[in-house]
Amino acid sequence: MTDFQQAVVALLRKNYPDALILTEEAEGGFSVPGFIVLVGEASLKKEMGRRWRRQETVVVWYYPAAGGQPQDLEQPLQLLLRTAARGVTTGVEREQGRLKVQLFLSQILFMDEEEAALMKKLLLEISEWELARESYDSALLSDALNRIRMLLLDEQIRKLNEEIANVSDAAVKAKLGDEKNALIRKKGGMREWRQDK
């Protein structure tokens, strides 16, 4: 389970506490109303320099209660799910009495080629795990991914420290310092997230 999928599930549980929420297809159906939250496609593409764009898709299927219509929840569900993360856009379809909401997350990451290669490998492995649908500890997987992200942040901070030490221009040094502080804050937020688990 990716962090994005976890955020969507947490949001649905908070706002629809009586609904069943699954993260894989149910065999033989399940009680309605309910949601199935699936990981879709994920990609990582280089834009320029150390700037990469990571895109991830999560698909939410909504099954209304008996007698209900999927369109009853179409607008409020889209508005809610767009708050799962910054930069989320949605697309919606109705299909055989259920609602399909696709969430598209786009993030800008600053990484070297080696870091990007590792991130691509992780995205591929997550996709393979999700497609396999074998039993695995999603909490351990999520924690492992979080540890790797923190290591990547450590490496980015280290390289920024080197750049700062080798720059004499005050304006450039200040800009690099701002980037470094942003990464430190991000790392602190990830550490708090792990402690809350």
C-alpha atoms as a PDB file:
ATOM      1  CA  MET A   1       0.000   0.000   0.000  1.00  0.00           C
ATOM      2  CA  THR A   2       1.445   3.368  -0.971  1.00  0.00           C
ATOM      3  CA  ASP A   3       1.277   6.467   1.214  1.00  0.00           C
ATOM      4  CA  PHE A   4      -1.182   7.996  -1.260  1.00  0.00           C
ATOM      5  CA  GLN A   5      -3.495   4.978  -1.042  1.00  0.00           C
ATOM      6  CA  GLN A   6      -3.216   5.053   2.766  1.00  0.00           C
ATOM      7  CA  ALA A   7      -4.206   8.737   2.812  1.00  0.00           C
ATOM      8  CA  VAL A   8      -7.277   8.015   0.673  1.00  0.00           C
ATOM      9  CA  VAL A   9      -8.337   5.086   2.890  1.00  0.00           C
ATOM     10  CA  ALA A  10      -7.893   7.180   6.058  1.00  0.00           C
ATOM     11  CA  LEU A  11      -9.987   9.962   4.556  1.00  0.00           C
ATOM     12  CA  LEU A  12     -12.814   7.591   3.634  1.00  0.00           C
ATOM     13  CA  ARG A  13     -12.777   5.919   7.055  1.00  0.00           C
ATOM     14  CA  LYS A  14     -13.022   9.271   8.787  1.00  0.00           C
ATOM     15  CA  ASN A  15     -15.903  10.556   6.648  1.00  0.00           C
ATOM     16  CA  TYR A  16     -17.782   7.273   6.065  1.00  0.00           C
ATOM     17  CA  PRO A  17     -17.230   5.302   9.308  1.00  0.00           C
ATOM     18  CA  ASP A  18     -20.114   2.902   8.637  1.00  0.00           C
ATOM     19  CA  ALA A  19     -18.995   1.959   5.119  1.00  0.00           C
ATOM     20  CA  LEU A  20     -16.857  -1.079   4.339  1.00  0.00           C
ATOM     21  CA  ILE A  21     -13.498  -0.072   2.839  1.00  0.00           C
ATOM     22  CA  LEU A  22     -11.275  -2.621   1.086  1.00  0.00           C
ATOM     23  CA  THR A  23      -7.888  -2.275  -0.610  1.00  0.00           C
ATOM     24  CA  GLU A  24      -8.290  -5.213  -2.980  1.00  0.00           C
ATOM     25  CA  GLU A  25     -11.047  -6.697  -5.094  1.00  0.00           C
ATOM     26  CA  ALA A  26     -13.601  -8.661  -3.082  1.00  0.00           C
ATOM     27  CA  GLU A  27     -14.483 -12.188  -4.178  1.00  0.00           C
ATOM     28  CA  GLY A  28     -18.211 -12.760  -4.194  1.00  0.00           C
ATOM     29  CA  GLY A  29     -19.086  -9.137  -3.419  1.00  0.00           C
ATOM     30  CA  PHE A  30     -19.432  -7.398  -0.079  1.00  0.00           C
ATOM     31  CA  SER A  31     -21.864  -5.407   2.018  1.00  0.00           C
ATOM     32  CA  VAL A  32     -22.926  -2.020   0.679  1.00  0.00           C
ATOM     33  CA  PRO A  33     -22.435   0.859   0.902  1.00  0.00           C
ATOM     34  CA  GLY A  34     -18.726   0.347   0.497  1.00  0.00           C
ATOM     35  CA  PHE A  35     -15.494   1.398  -1.216  1.00  0.00           C
ATOM     36  CA  ILE A  36     -12.630  -0.435  -2.884  1.00  0.00           C
ATOM     37  CA  VAL A  37      -9.402   1.579  -3.069  1.00  0.00           C
ATOM     38  CA  LEU A  38      -6.860   0.262  -5.583  1.00  0.00           C
ATOM     39  CA  VAL A  39      -3.396   1.419  -6.647  1.00  0.00           C
ATOM     40  CA  GLY A  40      -3.261   2.263 -10.358  1.00  0.00           C
ATOM     41  CA  GLU A  41      -0.329   3.286 -12.528  1.00  0.00           C
ATOM     42  CA  ALA A  42       2.807   4.996 -11.251  1.00  0.00           C
ATOM     43  CA  SER A  43       5.608   6.641 -13.201  1.00  0.00           C
ATOM     44  CA  LEU A  44       8.728   8.746 -12.743  1.00  0.00           C
ATOM     45  CA  LYS A  45       9.936  11.001 -15.567  1.00  0.00           C
ATOM     46  CA  LYS A  46      12.862  13.368 -15.768  1.00  0.00           C
ATOM     47  CA  GLU A  47      12.005  16.989 -16.602  1.00  0.00           C
ATOM     48  CA  MET A  48      15.392  18.693 -16.425  1.00  0.00           C
ATOM     49  CA  GLY A  49      18.510  18.591 -14.298  1.00  0.00           C
ATOM     50  CA  ARG A  50      17.683  17.055 -10.924  1.00  0.00           C
ATOM     51  CA  ARG A  51      13.958  17.747 -11.378  1.00  0.00           C
ATOM     52  CA  TRP A  52      11.720  14.675 -11.796  1.00  0.00           C
ATOM     53  CA  ARG A  53       7.953  14.318 -11.937  1.00  0.00           C
ATOM     54  CA  ARG A  54       6.381  11.420 -10.078  1.00  0.00           C
ATOM     55  CA  GLN A  55       2.817  10.523 -11.019  1.00  0.00           C
ATOM     56  CA  GLU A  56       0.617   8.046  -9.222  1.00  0.00           C
ATOM     57  CA  THR A  57      -2.972   6.941  -9.701  1.00  0.00           C
ATOM     58  CA  VAL A  58      -5.418   5.546  -7.151  1.00  0.00           C
ATOM     59  CA  VAL A  59      -8.820   4.210  -8.206  1.00  0.00           C
ATOM     60  CA  VAL A  60     -11.773   4.367  -5.811  1.00  0.00           C
ATOM     61  CA  TRP A  61     -14.870   2.276  -6.546  1.00  0.00           C
ATOM     62  CA  TYR A  62     -18.020   3.298  -4.676  1.00  0.00           C
ATOM     63  CA  TYR A  63     -20.873   0.812  -4.287  1.00  0.00           C
ATOM     64  CA  PRO A  64     -24.046   2.582  -3.089  1.00  0.00           C
ATOM     65  CA  ALA A  65     -26.519   1.112  -0.628  1.00  0.00           C
ATOM     66  CA  ALA A  66     -29.507  -0.798  -1.969  1.00  0.00           C
ATOM     67  CA  GLY A  67     -31.788   1.638  -3.773  1.00  0.00           C
ATOM     68  CA  GLY A  68     -29.090   4.307  -3.868  1.00  0.00           C
ATOM     69  CA  GLN A  69     -27.643   5.857  -6.997  1.00  0.00           C
ATOM     70  CA  PRO A  70     -23.880   6.265  -7.606  1.00  0.00           C
ATOM     71  CA  GLN A  71     -24.375   9.855  -8.755  1.00  0.00           C
ATOM     72  CA  ASP A  72     -25.733  10.774  -5.302  1.00  0.00           C
ATOM     73  CA  LEU A  73     -22.156  10.800  -3.993  1.00  0.00           C
ATOM     74  CA  GLU A  74     -20.364  11.832  -7.188  1.00  0.00           C
ATOM     75  CA  GLN A  75     -19.719  15.498  -6.411  1.00  0.00           C
ATOM     76  CA  PRO A  76     -19.094  15.314  -2.640  1.00  0.00           C
ATOM     77  CA  LEU A  77     -16.813  12.293  -3.053  1.00  0.00           C
ATOM     78  CA  GLN A  78     -14.670  14.031  -5.662  1.00  0.00           C
ATOM     79  CA  LEU A  79     -14.353  17.151  -3.510  1.00  0.00           C
ATOM     80  CA  LEU A  80     -13.384  15.063  -0.484  1.00  0.00           C
ATOM     81  CA  LEU A  81     -10.812  12.898  -2.264  1.00  0.00           C
ATOM     82  CA  ARG A  82      -9.049  15.908  -3.766  1.00  0.00           C
ATOM     83  CA  THR A  83      -7.951  16.768  -0.217  1.00  0.00           C
ATOM     84  CA  ALA A  84      -6.040  13.463   0.176  1.00  0.00           C
ATOM     85  CA  ALA A  85      -2.820  15.165  -0.962  1.00  0.00           C
ATOM     86  CA  ARG A  86      -1.647  18.366  -2.604  1.00  0.00           C
ATOM     87  CA  GLY A  87      -2.010  18.475  -6.371  1.00  0.00           C
ATOM     88  CA  VAL A  88      -4.686  15.781  -6.697  1.00  0.00           C
ATOM     89  CA  THR A  89      -7.041  15.899  -9.673  1.00  0.00           C
ATOM     90  CA  THR A  90      -9.961  13.552 -10.305  1.00  0.00           C
ATOM     91  CA  GLY A  91     -11.880  11.874 -13.083  1.00  0.00           C
ATOM     92  CA  VAL A  92     -15.186  10.071 -12.628  1.00  0.00           C
ATOM     93  CA  GLU A  93     -17.241   7.436 -14.446  1.00  0.00           C
ATOM     94  CA  ARG A  94     -20.467   5.559 -13.687  1.00  0.00           C
ATOM     95  CA  GLU A  95     -20.453   1.881 -14.449  1.00  0.00           C
ATOM     96  CA  GLN A  96     -23.065  -0.795 -13.744  1.00  0.00           C
ATOM     97  CA  GLY A  97     -24.570   0.854 -10.683  1.00  0.00           C
ATOM     98  CA  ARG A  98     -21.247   1.884  -9.142  1.00  0.00           C
ATOM     99  CA  LEU A  99     -19.034   4.951  -9.241  1.00  0.00           C
ATOM    100  CA  LYS A 100     -15.399   4.942 -10.345  1.00  0.00           C
ATOM    101  CA  VAL A 101     -13.283   7.882  -9.171  1.00  0.00           C
ATOM    102  CA  GLN A 102      -9.722   8.098 -10.458  1.00  0.00           C
ATOM    103  CA  LEU A 103      -7.272  10.190  -8.431  1.00  0.00           C
ATOM    104  CA  PHE A 104      -4.195  11.545 -10.157  1.00  0.00           C
ATOM    105  CA  LEU A 105      -1.287  12.691  -7.976  1.00  0.00           C
ATOM    106  CA  SER A 106       1.595  14.622  -9.501  1.00  0.00           C
ATOM    107  CA  GLN A 107       4.690  15.472  -7.434  1.00  0.00           C
ATOM    108  CA  ILE A 108       7.939  17.255  -8.224  1.00  0.00           C
ATOM    109  CA  LEU A 109      11.022  15.555  -6.758  1.00  0.00           C
ATOM    110  CA  PHE A 110      14.650  16.672  -6.876  1.00  0.00           C
ATOM    111  CA  MET A 111      16.937  13.665  -7.300  1.00  0.00           C
ATOM    112  CA  ASP A 112      20.113  12.490  -8.974  1.00  0.00           C
ATOM    113  CA  GLU A 113      20.066   9.703 -11.563  1.00  0.00           C
ATOM    114  CA  GLU A 114      20.964   7.062  -8.958  1.00  0.00           C
ATOM    115  CA  GLU A 115      18.158   8.160  -6.629  1.00  0.00           C
ATOM    116  CA  ALA A 116      15.681   8.247  -9.521  1.00  0.00           C
ATOM    117  CA  ALA A 117      16.683   4.712 -10.557  1.00  0.00           C
ATOM    118  CA  LEU A 118      15.987   3.509  -7.005  1.00  0.00           C
ATOM    119  CA  MET A 119      12.621   5.291  -6.930  1.00  0.00           C
ATOM    120  CA  LYS A 120      11.640   3.738 -10.275  1.00  0.00           C
ATOM    121  CA  LYS A 121      12.537   0.300  -8.912  1.00  0.00           C
ATOM    122  CA  LEU A 122      10.375   0.912  -5.838  1.00  0.00           C
ATOM    123  CA  LEU A 123       7.410   2.026  -7.944  1.00  0.00           C
ATOM    124  CA  LEU A 124       7.756  -1.093 -10.095  1.00  0.00           C
ATOM    125  CA  GLU A 125       7.952  -3.357  -7.049  1.00  0.00           C
ATOM    126  CA  ILE A 126       4.867  -1.735  -5.510  1.00  0.00           C
ATOM    127  CA  SER A 127       2.958  -2.277  -8.765  1.00  0.00           C
ATOM    128  CA  GLU A 128       4.039  -5.921  -8.871  1.00  0.00           C
ATOM    129  CA  TRP A 129       3.002  -6.474  -5.241  1.00  0.00           C
ATOM    130  CA  GLU A 130      -0.382  -4.913  -5.906  1.00  0.00           C
ATOM    131  CA  LEU A 131      -0.923  -6.983  -9.048  1.00  0.00           C
ATOM    132  CA  ALA A 132       0.164 -10.191  -7.328  1.00  0.00           C
ATOM    133  CA  ARG A 133      -2.274  -9.619  -4.432  1.00  0.00           C
ATOM    134  CA  GLU A 134      -0.326 -12.090  -2.312  1.00  0.00           C
ATOM    135  CA  SER A 135      -0.277 -11.763   1.450  1.00  0.00           C
ATOM    136  CA  TYR A 136       2.278  -9.281   2.757  1.00  0.00           C
ATOM    137  CA  ASP A 137       2.521  -6.957   5.715  1.00  0.00           C
ATOM    138  CA  SER A 138       1.477  -3.576   4.325  1.00  0.00           C
ATOM    139  CA  ALA A 139       2.643  -1.832   7.517  1.00  0.00           C
ATOM    140  CA  LEU A 140       6.160  -3.232   7.109  1.00  0.00           C
ATOM    141  CA  LEU A 141       6.164  -2.316   3.420  1.00  0.00           C
ATOM    142  CA  SER A 142       5.057   1.222   4.159  1.00  0.00           C
ATOM    143  CA  ASP A 143       7.688   1.577   6.885  1.00  0.00           C
ATOM    144  CA  ALA A 144      10.415   0.282   4.552  1.00  0.00           C
ATOM    145  CA  LEU A 145       9.427   2.784   1.861  1.00  0.00           C
ATOM    146  CA  ASN A 146       9.426   5.566   4.427  1.00  0.00           C
ATOM    147  CA  ARG A 147      12.939   4.586   5.571  1.00  0.00           C
ATOM    148  CA  ILE A 148      14.181   4.695   1.979  1.00  0.00           C
ATOM    149  CA  ARG A 149      12.594   8.110   1.432  1.00  0.00           C
ATOM    150  CA  MET A 150      14.361   9.373   4.557  1.00  0.00           C
ATOM    151  CA  LEU A 151      17.686   8.018   3.274  1.00  0.00           C
ATOM    152  CA  LEU A 152      17.107   9.822  -0.017  1.00  0.00           C
ATOM    153  CA  LEU A 153      16.399  13.028   1.892  1.00  0.00           C
ATOM    154  CA  ASP A 154      19.605  12.548   3.911  1.00  0.00           C
ATOM    155  CA  GLU A 155      21.573  12.244   0.683  1.00  0.00           C
ATOM    156  CA  GLN A 156      19.932  15.359  -0.789  1.00  0.00           C
ATOM    157  CA  ILE A 157      20.722  17.310   2.401  1.00  0.00           C
ATOM    158  CA  ARG A 158      24.339  16.098   2.334  1.00  0.00           C
ATOM    159  CA  LYS A 159      24.780  17.237  -1.273  1.00  0.00           C
ATOM    160  CA  LEU A 160      23.214  20.615  -0.529  1.00  0.00           C
ATOM    161  CA  ASN A 161      25.659  21.037   2.374  1.00  0.00           C
ATOM    162  CA  GLU A 162      28.518  20.404  -0.046  1.00  0.00           C
ATOM    163  CA  GLU A 163      27.106  22.935  -2.520  1.00  0.00           C
ATOM    164  CA  ILE A 164      26.647  25.538   0.222  1.00  0.00           C
ATOM    165  CA  ALA A 165      30.240  25.044   1.389  1.00  0.00           C
ATOM    166  CA  ASN A 166      31.570  25.582  -2.148  1.00  0.00           C
ATOM    167  CA  VAL A 167      29.457  28.649  -3.037  1.00  0.00           C
ATOM    168  CA  SER A 168      30.616  32.189  -2.337  1.00  0.00           C
ATOM    169  CA  ASP A 169      27.615  34.103  -3.708  1.00  0.00           C
ATOM    170  CA  ALA A 170      25.396  35.061  -0.739  1.00  0.00           C
ATOM    171  CA  ALA A 171      22.143  34.955  -2.718  1.00  0.00           C
ATOM    172  CA  VAL A 172      22.854  31.486  -4.108  1.00  0.00           C
ATOM    173  CA  LYS A 173      23.943  30.296  -0.650  1.00  0.00           C
ATOM    174  CA  ALA A 174      20.691  31.593   0.843  1.00  0.00           C
ATOM    175  CA  LYS A 175      18.625  29.861  -1.847  1.00  0.00           C
ATOM    176  CA  LEU A 176      20.431  26.565  -1.255  1.00  0.00           C
ATOM    177  CA  GLY A 177      19.918  27.058   2.490  1.00  0.00           C
ATOM    178  CA  ASP A 178      16.175  27.445   1.936  1.00  0.00           C
ATOM    179  CA  GLU A 179      16.108  24.210  -0.093  1.00  0.00           C
ATOM    180  CA  LYS A 180      18.029  22.434   2.667  1.00  0.00           C
ATOM    181  CA  ASN A 181      15.673  23.710   5.401  1.00  0.00           C
ATOM    182  CA  ALA A 182      12.647  22.584   3.376  1.00  0.00           C
ATOM    183  CA  LEU A 183      14.130  19.073   3.139  1.00  0.00           C
ATOM    184  CA  ILE A 184      14.872  19.036   6.878  1.00  0.00           C
ATOM    185  CA  ARG A 185      11.257  20.017   7.632  1.00  0.00           C
ATOM    186  CA  LYS A 186      10.012  17.331   5.265  1.00  0.00           C
ATOM    187  CA  LYS A 187      12.214  14.736   6.969  1.00  0.00           C
ATOM    188  CA  GLY A 188      10.928  15.859  10.382  1.00  0.00           C
ATOM    189  CA  GLY A 189       7.337  15.414   9.207  1.00  0.00           C
ATOM    190  CA  MET A 190       8.100  11.897   7.978  1.00  0.00           C
ATOM    191  CA  ARG A 191       9.721  11.013  11.318  1.00  0.00           C
ATOM    192  CA  GLU A 192       6.611  12.222  13.173  1.00  0.00           C
ATOM    193  CA  TRP A 193       4.431  10.163  10.822  1.00  0.00           C
ATOM    194  CA  ARG A 194       6.424   7.044  11.722  1.00  0.00           C
ATOM    195  CA  GLN A 195       6.180   7.768  15.452  1.00  0.00           C
ATOM    196  CA  ASP A 196       2.397   8.107  15.200  1.00  0.00           C
ATOM    197  CA  LYS A 197       2.092   4.609  13.762  1.00  0.00           C
END
